[in-house]
Amino acid sequence: MPKVTPHGPNPIDIHVGSRVRLRRQLLKMSQEKLGDELGVTFQQIQKYERGVNRVGASRLYRLSRALEVPVQFFFEGLVGEIAVSGVAEGDQAPIVYDFIQSSDGVSLAESFSRIKDGKVRRRVLELVRTLASQDPADA
């Protein structure tokens, strides 16, 4: 989770926006289509997803209907109050946040979750770990 800064987006707004983006991408819905359902432009959806613009209560309710999730979905993953100093050392939240912000991350998570065989899932995980540990100069 990003730090609270006086001039930047609020971390809670960023978190809610990332959850909007995650769900929209999982539904394979465009920003334009979501905007049409809410009566706003796709640029406004982009601003919500980045946390630049705050989502009001009534719009959050409409988002939950359009994205077919309960309102609580947008707040899942928030842990306690967000500290001004940022996250605790060793906290995995920034990694997860960056992962779900990328379309590749969403696609990978969606595809991985469809693998039902535990042995295959572990092999895929081993492959990813091996690839991640390789020196790019070796490739």
Protein backbone atom coordinates (compact mmCIF):
# COMPACT_ATOMS: atom_id res chain seq x y z
CA MET A 1 0.00 0.00 0.00
CA PRO A 2 1.42 3.42 -0.93
CA LYS A 3 2.24 6.03 1.71
CA VAL A 4 -0.19 8.80 2.61
CA THR A 5 1.09 12.01 1.08
CA PRO A 6 -0.45 15.44 1.37
CA HIS A 7 -0.67 15.96 -2.40
CA GLY A 8 -1.09 12.45 -3.78
CA PRO A 9 -4.07 10.11 -3.97
CA ASN A 10 -5.34 8.66 -0.70
CA PRO A 11 -4.15 5.05 -0.21
CA ILE A 12 -7.70 3.87 0.48
CA ASP A 13 -8.89 5.42 -2.78
CA ILE A 14 -5.99 3.71 -4.58
CA HIS A 15 -6.93 0.38 -2.99
CA VAL A 16 -10.62 0.74 -3.92
CA GLY A 17 -9.62 1.73 -7.46
CA SER A 18 -7.34 -1.28 -7.82
CA ARG A 19 -10.20 -3.54 -6.72
CA VAL A 20 -12.49 -1.91 -9.33
CA ARG A 21 -9.85 -2.54 -12.00
CA LEU A 22 -9.27 -6.12 -10.87
CA ARG A 23 -12.96 -7.01 -11.00
CA ARG A 24 -13.53 -5.19 -14.30
CA GLN A 25 -10.63 -7.08 -15.89
CA LEU A 26 -11.81 -10.41 -14.48
CA LEU A 27 -15.18 -9.76 -16.14
CA LYS A 28 -13.33 -8.78 -19.33
CA MET A 29 -15.26 -5.51 -19.31
CA SER A 30 -13.81 -2.41 -20.95
CA GLN A 31 -13.50 0.90 -19.15
CA GLU A 32 -15.85 2.34 -21.75
CA LYS A 33 -18.56 -0.26 -21.06
CA LEU A 34 -18.30 0.25 -17.30
CA GLY A 35 -18.43 4.00 -17.82
CA ASP A 36 -21.57 3.62 -19.95
CA GLU A 37 -23.23 1.57 -17.20
CA LEU A 38 -22.41 4.26 -14.64
CA GLY A 39 -23.11 7.24 -16.88
CA VAL A 40 -19.51 8.50 -16.84
CA THR A 41 -16.67 8.60 -19.36
CA PHE A 42 -13.98 5.95 -19.61
CA GLN A 43 -11.52 8.66 -18.52
CA GLN A 44 -13.46 8.95 -15.25
CA ILE A 45 -13.20 5.17 -14.79
CA GLN A 46 -9.41 5.47 -15.33
CA LYS A 47 -9.25 8.12 -12.61
CA TYR A 48 -11.25 5.94 -10.21
CA GLU A 49 -9.01 2.96 -10.93
CA ARG A 50 -5.84 4.95 -10.24
CA GLY A 51 -7.33 6.47 -7.09
CA VAL A 52 -6.95 9.99 -8.48
CA ASN A 53 -10.68 10.61 -8.06
CA ARG A 54 -12.54 9.35 -5.02
CA VAL A 55 -15.58 7.13 -5.58
CA GLY A 56 -18.63 8.44 -3.71
CA ALA A 57 -20.95 6.13 -1.79
CA SER A 58 -23.77 6.07 -4.34
CA ARG A 59 -21.36 5.48 -7.22
CA LEU A 60 -19.61 2.72 -5.22
CA TYR A 61 -22.98 1.03 -4.78
CA ARG A 62 -23.62 1.30 -8.54
CA LEU A 63 -20.14 -0.07 -9.23
CA SER A 64 -20.90 -3.07 -7.03
CA ARG A 65 -24.03 -3.75 -9.07
CA ALA A 66 -22.30 -3.28 -12.44
CA LEU A 67 -19.37 -5.50 -11.39
CA GLU A 68 -21.60 -8.04 -9.65
CA VAL A 69 -19.86 -7.94 -6.26
CA PRO A 70 -20.89 -6.76 -2.79
CA VAL A 71 -19.66 -3.30 -1.77
CA GLN A 72 -17.34 -4.94 0.78
CA PHE A 73 -15.34 -6.43 -2.12
CA PHE A 74 -13.74 -3.04 -2.77
CA PHE A 75 -12.33 -2.92 0.78
CA GLU A 76 -11.04 -6.49 1.01
CA GLY A 77 -7.34 -6.60 1.72
CA LEU A 78 -7.17 -3.37 3.69
CA VAL A 79 -5.41 -4.12 6.94
CA GLY A 80 -6.17 -1.88 9.87
CA GLU A 81 -5.54 1.79 9.46
CA ILE A 82 -3.10 2.86 6.80
CA ALA A 83 -0.06 4.30 8.53
CA VAL A 84 1.40 7.59 7.40
CA SER A 85 4.80 5.91 7.27
CA GLY A 86 3.65 3.23 4.85
CA VAL A 87 3.70 -0.54 5.32
CA ALA A 88 5.61 -2.64 7.82
CA GLU A 89 8.91 -4.14 6.75
CA GLY A 90 8.39 -7.54 5.18
CA ASP A 91 4.76 -6.78 4.31
CA GLN A 92 3.80 -8.33 0.95
CA ALA A 93 1.03 -5.79 0.23
CA PRO A 94 3.11 -3.69 -2.22
CA ILE A 95 4.01 -6.78 -4.27
CA VAL A 96 0.40 -7.95 -4.41
CA TYR A 97 -0.79 -4.42 -5.19
CA ASP A 98 1.64 -4.09 -8.11
CA PHE A 99 0.70 -7.57 -9.32
CA ILE A 100 -3.04 -6.90 -9.47
CA GLN A 101 -2.45 -3.52 -11.10
CA SER A 102 -0.99 -5.21 -14.17
CA SER A 103 -3.12 -6.90 -16.80
CA ASP A 104 -0.55 -9.71 -16.97
CA GLY A 105 -0.90 -10.24 -13.23
CA VAL A 106 -4.68 -10.46 -13.45
CA SER A 107 -4.47 -12.88 -16.39
CA LEU A 108 -1.87 -15.02 -14.64
CA ALA A 109 -3.89 -15.18 -11.42
CA GLU A 110 -7.08 -15.99 -13.32
CA SER A 111 -5.41 -18.75 -15.35
CA PHE A 112 -3.52 -20.18 -12.38
CA SER A 113 -6.71 -20.37 -10.30
CA ARG A 114 -8.30 -22.55 -13.00
CA ILE A 115 -5.63 -25.25 -12.56
CA LYS A 116 -7.32 -27.82 -10.33
CA ASP A 117 -4.50 -30.36 -10.02
CA GLY A 118 -2.33 -29.46 -7.01
CA LYS A 119 0.76 -31.14 -8.47
CA VAL A 120 0.45 -29.13 -11.68
CA ARG A 121 0.00 -25.90 -9.68
CA ARG A 122 3.18 -26.64 -7.70
CA ARG A 123 5.10 -27.34 -10.94
CA VAL A 124 3.92 -24.06 -12.42
CA LEU A 125 5.01 -22.28 -9.24
CA GLU A 126 8.43 -23.98 -9.40
CA LEU A 127 8.77 -22.92 -13.05
CA VAL A 128 7.95 -19.31 -12.22
CA ARG A 129 10.40 -19.29 -9.31
CA THR A 130 13.12 -20.74 -11.56
CA LEU A 131 12.46 -18.17 -14.26
CA ALA A 132 12.42 -15.35 -11.72
CA SER A 133 15.77 -16.37 -10.28
CA GLN A 134 17.54 -16.55 -13.65
CA ASP A 135 20.01 -13.82 -14.47
CA PRO A 136 18.69 -11.87 -17.52
CA ALA A 137 22.25 -11.90 -18.95
CA ASP A 138 22.01 -15.72 -19.14
CA ALA A 139 18.93 -15.61 -21.36
